[in-house]
Structure formats: structure tokens, C-alpha cells
Amino acid sequence: MEARRVTALVSLGLVGAVVVGLVATTGNGPDADVDIAAPAVEQQPAEESVSEPLPDPTPESEAAPTVEPGTIVQADPDPEPAPETAPPTTLDPNTPDLPNRGPHPEFLDVQEWIQTNATAFDEFDGKVLAVQFWTFGCSNCQATFPHMRDLYAKYAGEDFEVIGVHAPEFDFERDVNAVASEAVENGLVWPMAIDNEKLNFRSWQERRFWPRLFLIDADGNVRYDHIGEGAYEEIDAAVGALINEKNA
């Protein structure tokens, strides 16, 4: 009996020594939570991040040269010309409305043409036309002569033509030689259609007037109609606008 008690006490003593040894090994106090069952985890060193230097975006051969202070820099004597740009188109403030009134009336046969090699109205197709009905004895027609000369001098060419349609009011105005003489004397140098029977004078006008001016665009459409004298700046601007439209 005594031998058993001695053996038990010795066993308890050995267990106590083991527990004390474990506590001392962990370095924790008596109140620390220790997970004995969990194996110790060896901490790996953090992976080192290495940043590669960014490449220079400008190759050394293309880098801008360094200019020393006081150095005179000379401009390229033969620089590349800048691309051409079309100048902005500005509309003349005198330009009237130019609605499309449809194709001009058919131009009927006339007695003859003077001051031109043309023998028919359609030979002027593709141009902007100022078609003026007039007669040389009409004082209102005579008042338009300076403007018609200016208009012709400014615009006549591949894009524009004036056509006078001479329709007599009185018998003495039916003389073709007299018409030609009056045209030369007054500097009216553009083509003239001699409309002695007034076929076009009547077919182009429901109400008939001397003078009367029609502007025809390059496609053959009536775009402007003016009766009598005046409106000269407006007519000039309208012709310019129709020529610009043709060449746009």
C-alpha cells in the first residue's frame, strides 16, 4: 500500500515538472492562450518587389539639342509651306434672296444676233446670265447703261455673260443698224438678240416692261427678277453670289 502511494506521488511530480517546463518554453505568462495542438508556422520573408526603370520616351538621336546660353538660333531657310486653306466665303450684305423660280422660259427665235458669234440662246448654257430686255429709245433703259457696263466689266468671262434682248417700242427702233450703232456708242459690248417681233419680250413677261432684268443661274433657273432702274448694288451682289454658287 505504501509502495503504491509512493509511486503515485512520484508520477504526479514528474507530470508537474513537464508542465512547468512547457510554460517556460513558450515565454507566455500564466494568462496567455496557447494553442498547443497547432504546429508552429514558419514565417516566410516578404517577396521583394523590383521596379524596372521606365524607358526614355525620346530616343537619344531624336532628343532636342541643348542650346547654350547666348547661342544664336537660325530659322530653317527653307521650311515646309503650311497647307493651303481656302479663304472663308463672306456673303455680300447686299445679296438679296435668290429663290429658285424654275427653268427660264424657252427662248424663241429672234431676227438675228449681233456682237457675238452665237446664233442661239442655249449656246450660253452653263453660265450665270443677266438677261436684260431693253430698247434704245427708252430713257429708263438708258439710265441702266452705266451699271450694266460695270457689271459686265466686273464679272464677264467663263462664268458670266450679259445678254441684251432688244425689243422695240417704236418703229424707228426696229432698225438693226440703229441698234448696233447705239450699242457701240454707249459701250454696250455684250451679245444682243434682236427681238423685233417681241416674241421673247411677251413670252418671258406676263406684264411687259422696259427695262427688265432676269438673273439665270448656271443650271438655267430664274433666280432674280428686277423691273426698272435701281437696285444696282443688290444686282451686283446677286451675280457674285450665283457665280460663287456655280463654283462651289
C-alpha atoms as a PDB file:
ATOM      1  CA  MET A   1       0.000   0.000   0.000  1.00  0.00           C
ATOM      2  CA  GLU A   2       2.707   2.405   0.940  1.00  0.00           C
ATOM      3  CA  ALA A   3       4.635   1.451  -2.211  1.00  0.00           C
ATOM      4  CA  ARG A   4       1.628   2.438  -4.431  1.00  0.00           C
ATOM      5  CA  ARG A   5       1.272   5.807  -2.735  1.00  0.00           C
ATOM      6  CA  VAL A   6       4.946   6.497  -3.246  1.00  0.00           C
ATOM      7  CA  THR A   7       4.685   5.566  -6.924  1.00  0.00           C
ATOM      8  CA  ALA A   8       1.675   7.855  -7.440  1.00  0.00           C
ATOM      9  CA  LEU A   9       3.365  10.802  -5.831  1.00  0.00           C
ATOM     10  CA  VAL A  10       6.443  10.321  -7.958  1.00  0.00           C
ATOM     11  CA  SER A  11       4.259  10.222 -11.099  1.00  0.00           C
ATOM     12  CA  LEU A  12       2.467  13.452 -10.138  1.00  0.00           C
ATOM     13  CA  GLY A  13       5.778  15.071  -9.558  1.00  0.00           C
ATOM     14  CA  LEU A  14       7.046  14.134 -12.995  1.00  0.00           C
ATOM     15  CA  VAL A  15       3.850  15.499 -14.699  1.00  0.00           C
ATOM     16  CA  GLY A  16       4.160  18.784 -12.845  1.00  0.00           C
ATOM     17  CA  ALA A  17       7.726  19.194 -13.941  1.00  0.00           C
ATOM     18  CA  VAL A  18       6.770  18.683 -17.572  1.00  0.00           C
ATOM     19  CA  VAL A  19       4.007  21.345 -17.408  1.00  0.00           C
ATOM     20  CA  VAL A  20       6.318  23.872 -15.813  1.00  0.00           C
ATOM     21  CA  GLY A  21       8.878  23.221 -18.498  1.00  0.00           C
ATOM     22  CA  LEU A  22       6.374  23.820 -21.278  1.00  0.00           C
ATOM     23  CA  VAL A  23       5.220  27.141 -19.795  1.00  0.00           C
ATOM     24  CA  ALA A  24       8.762  28.353 -19.512  1.00  0.00           C
ATOM     25  CA  THR A  25       9.497  27.350 -23.111  1.00  0.00           C
ATOM     26  CA  THR A  26       6.602  29.411 -24.673  1.00  0.00           C
ATOM     27  CA  GLY A  27       7.585  32.579 -22.870  1.00  0.00           C
ATOM     28  CA  ASN A  28       3.912  33.368 -22.097  1.00  0.00           C
ATOM     29  CA  GLY A  29       2.632  34.176 -18.719  1.00  0.00           C
ATOM     30  CA  PRO A  30       0.091  32.146 -16.925  1.00  0.00           C
ATOM     31  CA  ASP A  31      -2.783  34.085 -18.525  1.00  0.00           C
ATOM     32  CA  ALA A  32      -1.669  33.578 -22.177  1.00  0.00           C
ATOM     33  CA  ASP A  33      -3.734  31.481 -24.615  1.00  0.00           C
ATOM     34  CA  VAL A  34      -1.562  28.829 -26.099  1.00  0.00           C
ATOM     35  CA  ASP A  35      -2.689  26.511 -28.829  1.00  0.00           C
ATOM     36  CA  ILE A  36      -0.524  23.565 -28.124  1.00  0.00           C
ATOM     37  CA  ALA A  37      -2.088  21.397 -30.795  1.00  0.00           C
ATOM     38  CA  ALA A  38      -1.300  23.869 -33.619  1.00  0.00           C
ATOM     39  CA  PRO A  39       2.151  23.387 -35.126  1.00  0.00           C
ATOM     40  CA  ALA A  40       4.428  26.370 -35.270  1.00  0.00           C
ATOM     41  CA  VAL A  41       4.266  28.188 -38.600  1.00  0.00           C
ATOM     42  CA  GLU A  42       7.496  29.364 -40.061  1.00  0.00           C
ATOM     43  CA  GLN A  43       7.078  32.921 -41.414  1.00  0.00           C
ATOM     44  CA  GLN A  44       8.453  33.422 -44.934  1.00  0.00           C
ATOM     45  CA  PRO A  45      10.274  36.645 -45.745  1.00  0.00           C
ATOM     46  CA  ALA A  46       8.218  39.130 -47.778  1.00  0.00           C
ATOM     47  CA  GLU A  47       8.771  38.907 -51.525  1.00  0.00           C
ATOM     48  CA  GLU A  48      10.878  41.807 -52.687  1.00  0.00           C
ATOM     49  CA  SER A  49       9.333  43.966 -55.439  1.00  0.00           C
ATOM     50  CA  VAL A  50      11.807  45.233 -58.015  1.00  0.00           C
ATOM     51  CA  SER A  51      10.766  48.143 -60.309  1.00  0.00           C
ATOM     52  CA  GLU A  52      12.448  48.326 -63.696  1.00  0.00           C
ATOM     53  CA  PRO A  53      13.338  51.918 -64.744  1.00  0.00           C
ATOM     54  CA  LEU A  54      10.938  53.314 -67.420  1.00  0.00           C
ATOM     55  CA  PRO A  55      12.492  53.670 -70.879  1.00  0.00           C
ATOM     56  CA  ASP A  56      13.189  57.194 -72.119  1.00  0.00           C
ATOM     57  CA  PRO A  57      10.257  58.028 -74.484  1.00  0.00           C
ATOM     58  CA  THR A  58      12.510  60.087 -76.744  1.00  0.00           C
ATOM     59  CA  PRO A  59      15.407  58.234 -78.364  1.00  0.00           C
ATOM     60  CA  GLU A  60      18.727  59.934 -77.812  1.00  0.00           C
ATOM     61  CA  SER A  61      19.110  60.568 -81.555  1.00  0.00           C
ATOM     62  CA  GLU A  62      15.777  62.423 -81.659  1.00  0.00           C
ATOM     63  CA  ALA A  63      16.101  64.406 -78.472  1.00  0.00           C
ATOM     64  CA  ALA A  64      16.045  68.190 -78.773  1.00  0.00           C
ATOM     65  CA  PRO A  65      19.549  69.615 -78.820  1.00  0.00           C
ATOM     66  CA  THR A  66      20.720  71.615 -75.864  1.00  0.00           C
ATOM     67  CA  VAL A  67      21.181  75.276 -76.723  1.00  0.00           C
ATOM     68  CA  GLU A  68      23.922  77.028 -74.787  1.00  0.00           C
ATOM     69  CA  PRO A  69      23.079  80.499 -73.415  1.00  0.00           C
ATOM     70  CA  GLY A  70      23.965  83.243 -75.863  1.00  0.00           C
ATOM     71  CA  THR A  71      23.757  80.928 -78.891  1.00  0.00           C
ATOM     72  CA  ILE A  72      22.017  82.464 -81.940  1.00  0.00           C
ATOM     73  CA  VAL A  73      19.468  80.039 -83.367  1.00  0.00           C
ATOM     74  CA  GLN A  74      18.882  80.434 -87.103  1.00  0.00           C
ATOM     75  CA  ALA A  75      15.493  79.581 -88.591  1.00  0.00           C
ATOM     76  CA  ASP A  76      15.203  76.923 -91.263  1.00  0.00           C
ATOM     77  CA  PRO A  77      15.847  78.833 -94.517  1.00  0.00           C
ATOM     78  CA  ASP A  78      13.579  76.504 -96.463  1.00  0.00           C
ATOM     79  CA  PRO A  79      10.701  75.486 -94.197  1.00  0.00           C
ATOM     80  CA  GLU A  80       7.892  73.324 -95.491  1.00  0.00           C
ATOM     81  CA  PRO A  81       4.974  75.536 -96.575  1.00  0.00           C
ATOM     82  CA  ALA A  82       1.865  75.344 -94.450  1.00  0.00           C
ATOM     83  CA  PRO A  83      -1.054  73.588 -96.166  1.00  0.00           C
ATOM     84  CA  GLU A  84      -3.227  75.997 -98.090  1.00  0.00           C
ATOM     85  CA  THR A  85      -6.666  76.655 -96.718  1.00  0.00           C
ATOM     86  CA  ALA A  86      -9.488  78.190 -98.672  1.00  0.00           C
ATOM     87  CA  PRO A  87     -10.352  81.706 -97.547  1.00  0.00           C
ATOM     88  CA  PRO A  88     -13.690  81.955 -95.784  1.00  0.00           C
ATOM     89  CA  THR A  89     -16.536  82.899 -98.075  1.00  0.00           C
ATOM     90  CA  THR A  90     -18.273  86.042 -96.934  1.00  0.00           C
ATOM     91  CA  LEU A  91     -21.689  86.895 -98.308  1.00  0.00           C
ATOM     92  CA  ASP A  92     -22.107  90.444 -99.565  1.00  0.00           C
ATOM     93  CA  PRO A  93     -24.619  92.116 -97.206  1.00  0.00           C
ATOM     94  CA  ASN A  94     -26.443  93.492-100.278  1.00  0.00           C
ATOM     95  CA  THR A  95     -27.215  89.984-101.549  1.00  0.00           C
ATOM     96  CA  PRO A  96     -30.983  89.519-101.949  1.00  0.00           C
ATOM     97  CA  ASP A  97     -32.926  86.305-101.567  1.00  0.00           C
ATOM     98  CA  LEU A  98     -32.334  84.166-104.641  1.00  0.00           C
ATOM     99  CA  PRO A  99     -35.125  81.589-104.645  1.00  0.00           C
ATOM    100  CA  ASN A 100     -35.197  79.037-107.428  1.00  0.00           C
ATOM    101  CA  ARG A 101     -38.136  80.063-109.626  1.00  0.00           C
ATOM    102  CA  GLY A 102     -37.679  77.166-112.009  1.00  0.00           C
ATOM    103  CA  PRO A 103     -36.269  76.944-115.526  1.00  0.00           C
ATOM    104  CA  HIS A 104     -36.264  80.102-117.609  1.00  0.00           C
ATOM    105  CA  PRO A 105     -38.902  80.339-120.352  1.00  0.00           C
ATOM    106  CA  GLU A 106     -37.991  78.937-123.721  1.00  0.00           C
ATOM    107  CA  PHE A 107     -36.047  81.447-125.769  1.00  0.00           C
ATOM    108  CA  LEU A 108     -37.865  81.803-129.072  1.00  0.00           C
ATOM    109  CA  ASP A 109     -36.405  82.621-132.461  1.00  0.00           C
ATOM    110  CA  VAL A 110     -35.115  86.145-132.992  1.00  0.00           C
ATOM    111  CA  GLN A 111     -34.345  88.121-136.172  1.00  0.00           C
ATOM    112  CA  GLU A 112     -30.598  87.937-135.566  1.00  0.00           C
ATOM    113  CA  TRP A 113     -27.769  88.159-133.046  1.00  0.00           C
ATOM    114  CA  ILE A 114     -25.221  90.957-133.034  1.00  0.00           C
ATOM    115  CA  GLN A 115     -21.887  91.419-131.235  1.00  0.00           C
ATOM    116  CA  THR A 116     -21.456  87.657-130.848  1.00  0.00           C
ATOM    117  CA  ASN A 117     -20.742  84.521-132.832  1.00  0.00           C
ATOM    118  CA  ALA A 118     -23.597  82.750-131.059  1.00  0.00           C
ATOM    119  CA  THR A 119     -26.731  82.013-133.057  1.00  0.00           C
ATOM    120  CA  ALA A 120     -28.906  80.556-130.266  1.00  0.00           C
ATOM    121  CA  PHE A 121     -29.594  81.258-126.615  1.00  0.00           C
ATOM    122  CA  ASP A 122     -28.614  77.753-125.482  1.00  0.00           C
ATOM    123  CA  GLU A 123     -25.024  78.405-126.562  1.00  0.00           C
ATOM    124  CA  PHE A 124     -24.670  80.294-123.280  1.00  0.00           C
ATOM    125  CA  ASP A 125     -25.749  77.313-121.160  1.00  0.00           C
ATOM    126  CA  GLY A 126     -23.610  76.686-118.082  1.00  0.00           C
ATOM    127  CA  LYS A 127     -23.002  80.372-117.355  1.00  0.00           C
ATOM    128  CA  VAL A 128     -24.707  82.753-114.961  1.00  0.00           C
ATOM    129  CA  LEU A 129     -26.696  85.114-117.220  1.00  0.00           C
ATOM    130  CA  ALA A 130     -28.054  88.640-116.855  1.00  0.00           C
ATOM    131  CA  VAL A 131     -30.807  88.873-119.465  1.00  0.00           C
ATOM    132  CA  GLN A 132     -31.981  92.457-119.945  1.00  0.00           C
ATOM    133  CA  PHE A 133     -34.990  93.421-122.050  1.00  0.00           C
ATOM    134  CA  TRP A 134     -34.454  96.941-123.360  1.00  0.00           C
ATOM    135  CA  THR A 135     -34.903  99.340-126.252  1.00  0.00           C
ATOM    136  CA  PHE A 136     -32.523 102.144-127.145  1.00  0.00           C
ATOM    137  CA  GLY A 137     -35.125 104.963-127.196  1.00  0.00           C
ATOM    138  CA  CYS A 138     -36.239 104.250-123.594  1.00  0.00           C
ATOM    139  CA  SER A 139     -34.855 106.801-121.080  1.00  0.00           C
ATOM    140  CA  ASN A 140     -35.237 104.335-118.206  1.00  0.00           C
ATOM    141  CA  CYS A 141     -33.185 101.792-120.163  1.00  0.00           C
ATOM    142  CA  GLN A 142     -30.522 104.423-120.832  1.00  0.00           C
ATOM    143  CA  ALA A 143     -30.249 105.110-117.089  1.00  0.00           C
ATOM    144  CA  THR A 144     -29.167 101.486-116.535  1.00  0.00           C
ATOM    145  CA  PHE A 145     -26.293 101.626-119.041  1.00  0.00           C
ATOM    146  CA  PRO A 146     -23.525 102.649-116.579  1.00  0.00           C
ATOM    147  CA  HIS A 147     -24.443  99.822-114.197  1.00  0.00           C
ATOM    148  CA  MET A 148     -24.676  97.229-116.956  1.00  0.00           C
ATOM    149  CA  ARG A 149     -21.224  98.277-118.214  1.00  0.00           C
ATOM    150  CA  ASP A 150     -19.807  97.941-114.663  1.00  0.00           C
ATOM    151  CA  LEU A 151     -21.441  94.547-114.207  1.00  0.00           C
ATOM    152  CA  TYR A 152     -20.002  93.265-117.467  1.00  0.00           C
ATOM    153  CA  ALA A 153     -16.523  94.641-116.753  1.00  0.00           C
ATOM    154  CA  LYS A 154     -16.501  93.052-113.280  1.00  0.00           C
ATOM    155  CA  TYR A 155     -17.834  89.568-113.974  1.00  0.00           C
ATOM    156  CA  ALA A 156     -17.852  88.713-117.698  1.00  0.00           C
ATOM    157  CA  GLY A 157     -15.875  85.617-118.622  1.00  0.00           C
ATOM    158  CA  GLU A 158     -16.253  81.855-118.422  1.00  0.00           C
ATOM    159  CA  ASP A 159     -18.725  82.112-115.545  1.00  0.00           C
ATOM    160  CA  PHE A 160     -20.926  85.071-116.534  1.00  0.00           C
ATOM    161  CA  GLU A 161     -22.468  86.778-119.551  1.00  0.00           C
ATOM    162  CA  VAL A 162     -24.828  89.678-120.176  1.00  0.00           C
ATOM    163  CA  ILE A 163     -27.395  89.196-122.929  1.00  0.00           C
ATOM    164  CA  GLY A 164     -29.360  92.171-124.191  1.00  0.00           C
ATOM    165  CA  VAL A 165     -32.724  91.404-125.764  1.00  0.00           C
ATOM    166  CA  HIS A 166     -33.662  94.440-127.830  1.00  0.00           C
ATOM    167  CA  ALA A 167     -37.451  94.655-128.183  1.00  0.00           C
ATOM    168  CA  PRO A 168     -38.527  97.899-129.919  1.00  0.00           C
ATOM    169  CA  GLU A 169     -41.241 100.131-128.556  1.00  0.00           C
ATOM    170  CA  PHE A 170     -41.450 102.303-131.711  1.00  0.00           C
ATOM    171  CA  ASP A 171     -40.915 101.543-135.387  1.00  0.00           C
ATOM    172  CA  PHE A 172     -37.657 103.514-135.670  1.00  0.00           C
ATOM    173  CA  GLU A 173     -36.165 101.181-133.026  1.00  0.00           C
ATOM    174  CA  ARG A 174     -36.623  98.223-135.353  1.00  0.00           C
ATOM    175  CA  ASP A 175     -33.598  99.212-137.435  1.00  0.00           C
ATOM    176  CA  VAL A 176     -30.867  96.701-136.604  1.00  0.00           C
ATOM    177  CA  ASN A 177     -28.121  99.100-137.740  1.00  0.00           C
ATOM    178  CA  ALA A 178     -29.500 101.750-135.418  1.00  0.00           C
ATOM    179  CA  VAL A 179     -29.461  99.255-132.532  1.00  0.00           C
ATOM    180  CA  ALA A 180     -25.851  98.305-133.284  1.00  0.00           C
ATOM    181  CA  SER A 181     -24.838 101.973-133.502  1.00  0.00           C
ATOM    182  CA  GLU A 182     -26.483 102.811-130.174  1.00  0.00           C
ATOM    183  CA  ALA A 183     -24.834  99.797-128.524  1.00  0.00           C
ATOM    184  CA  VAL A 184     -21.354 100.812-129.688  1.00  0.00           C
ATOM    185  CA  GLU A 185     -21.902 104.479-128.798  1.00  0.00           C
ATOM    186  CA  ASN A 186     -22.919 103.575-125.245  1.00  0.00           C
ATOM    187  CA  GLY A 187     -20.289 100.887-124.658  1.00  0.00           C
ATOM    188  CA  LEU A 188     -22.796  98.034-124.587  1.00  0.00           C
ATOM    189  CA  VAL A 189     -20.393  95.395-125.903  1.00  0.00           C
ATOM    190  CA  TRP A 190     -22.165  92.160-124.894  1.00  0.00           C
ATOM    191  CA  PRO A 191     -24.270  89.869-127.121  1.00  0.00           C
ATOM    192  CA  MET A 192     -27.565  91.326-128.365  1.00  0.00           C
ATOM    193  CA  ALA A 193     -30.604  89.409-129.604  1.00  0.00           C
ATOM    194  CA  ILE A 194     -32.780  91.439-131.983  1.00  0.00           C
ATOM    195  CA  ASP A 195     -36.357  90.584-130.934  1.00  0.00           C
ATOM    196  CA  ASN A 196     -38.226  92.796-133.369  1.00  0.00           C
ATOM    197  CA  GLU A 197     -41.388  90.655-133.223  1.00  0.00           C
ATOM    198  CA  LYS A 198     -41.251  90.798-129.409  1.00  0.00           C
ATOM    199  CA  LEU A 199     -41.813  87.056-129.126  1.00  0.00           C
ATOM    200  CA  ASN A 200     -39.480  86.729-126.123  1.00  0.00           C
ATOM    201  CA  PHE A 201     -40.446  90.134-124.727  1.00  0.00           C
ATOM    202  CA  ARG A 202     -44.014  88.823-124.397  1.00  0.00           C
ATOM    203  CA  SER A 203     -43.345  85.156-123.546  1.00  0.00           C
ATOM    204  CA  TRP A 204     -40.950  85.993-120.686  1.00  0.00           C
ATOM    205  CA  GLN A 205     -43.238  88.656-119.134  1.00  0.00           C
ATOM    206  CA  GLU A 206     -46.896  88.493-118.171  1.00  0.00           C
ATOM    207  CA  ARG A 207     -46.737  92.244-117.592  1.00  0.00           C
ATOM    208  CA  ARG A 208     -44.289  93.831-120.020  1.00  0.00           C
ATOM    209  CA  PHE A 209     -41.707  96.392-119.019  1.00  0.00           C
ATOM    210  CA  TRP A 210     -38.627  98.207-120.347  1.00  0.00           C
ATOM    211  CA  PRO A 211     -36.112  97.701-118.821  1.00  0.00           C
ATOM    212  CA  ARG A 212     -36.407  94.351-117.074  1.00  0.00           C
ATOM    213  CA  LEU A 213     -33.544  92.179-115.833  1.00  0.00           C
ATOM    214  CA  PHE A 214     -33.591  88.448-115.134  1.00  0.00           C
ATOM    215  CA  LEU A 215     -30.684  86.596-113.493  1.00  0.00           C
ATOM    216  CA  ILE A 216     -30.362  82.981-114.610  1.00  0.00           C
ATOM    217  CA  ASP A 217     -28.144  80.550-112.678  1.00  0.00           C
ATOM    218  CA  ALA A 218     -25.693  78.123-114.271  1.00  0.00           C
ATOM    219  CA  ASP A 219     -28.372  75.399-114.260  1.00  0.00           C
ATOM    220  CA  GLY A 220     -30.782  77.547-116.285  1.00  0.00           C
ATOM    221  CA  ASN A 221     -33.110  78.539-113.436  1.00  0.00           C
ATOM    222  CA  VAL A 222     -34.541  82.025-112.896  1.00  0.00           C
ATOM    223  CA  ARG A 223     -33.176  83.306-109.582  1.00  0.00           C
ATOM    224  CA  TYR A 224     -33.848  87.061-109.685  1.00  0.00           C
ATOM    225  CA  ASP A 225     -36.222  89.461-111.462  1.00  0.00           C
ATOM    226  CA  HIS A 226     -35.980  93.263-111.363  1.00  0.00           C
ATOM    227  CA  ILE A 227     -38.165  95.799-113.134  1.00  0.00           C
ATOM    228  CA  GLY A 228     -36.957  99.316-113.945  1.00  0.00           C
ATOM    229  CA  GLU A 229     -33.926 101.220-112.751  1.00  0.00           C
ATOM    230  CA  GLY A 230     -32.034 100.957-109.458  1.00  0.00           C
ATOM    231  CA  ALA A 231     -31.100  98.107-107.084  1.00  0.00           C
ATOM    232  CA  TYR A 232     -27.631  98.172-108.633  1.00  0.00           C
ATOM    233  CA  GLU A 233     -25.693  97.061-105.539  1.00  0.00           C
ATOM    234  CA  GLU A 234     -28.227  94.295-104.982  1.00  0.00           C
ATOM    235  CA  ILE A 235     -27.901  93.081-108.578  1.00  0.00           C
ATOM    236  CA  ASP A 236     -24.104  93.140-108.361  1.00  0.00           C
ATOM    237  CA  ALA A 237     -24.166  91.101-105.137  1.00  0.00           C
ATOM    238  CA  ALA A 238     -26.683  88.649-106.607  1.00  0.00           C
ATOM    239  CA  VAL A 239     -24.465  87.993-109.637  1.00  0.00           C
ATOM    240  CA  GLY A 240     -21.453  87.424-107.367  1.00  0.00           C
ATOM    241  CA  ALA A 241     -23.444  85.012-105.193  1.00  0.00           C
ATOM    242  CA  LEU A 242     -24.633  82.987-108.204  1.00  0.00           C
ATOM    243  CA  ILE A 243     -21.100  82.764-109.585  1.00  0.00           C
ATOM    244  CA  ASN A 244     -19.836  81.575-106.167  1.00  0.00           C
ATOM    245  CA  GLU A 245     -22.658  79.026-106.075  1.00  0.00           C
ATOM    246  CA  LYS A 246     -21.676  77.760-109.529  1.00  0.00           C
ATOM    247  CA  ASN A 247     -18.057  77.292-108.481  1.00  0.00           C
ATOM    248  CA  ALA A 248     -18.735  75.891-105.005  1.00  0.00           C
END
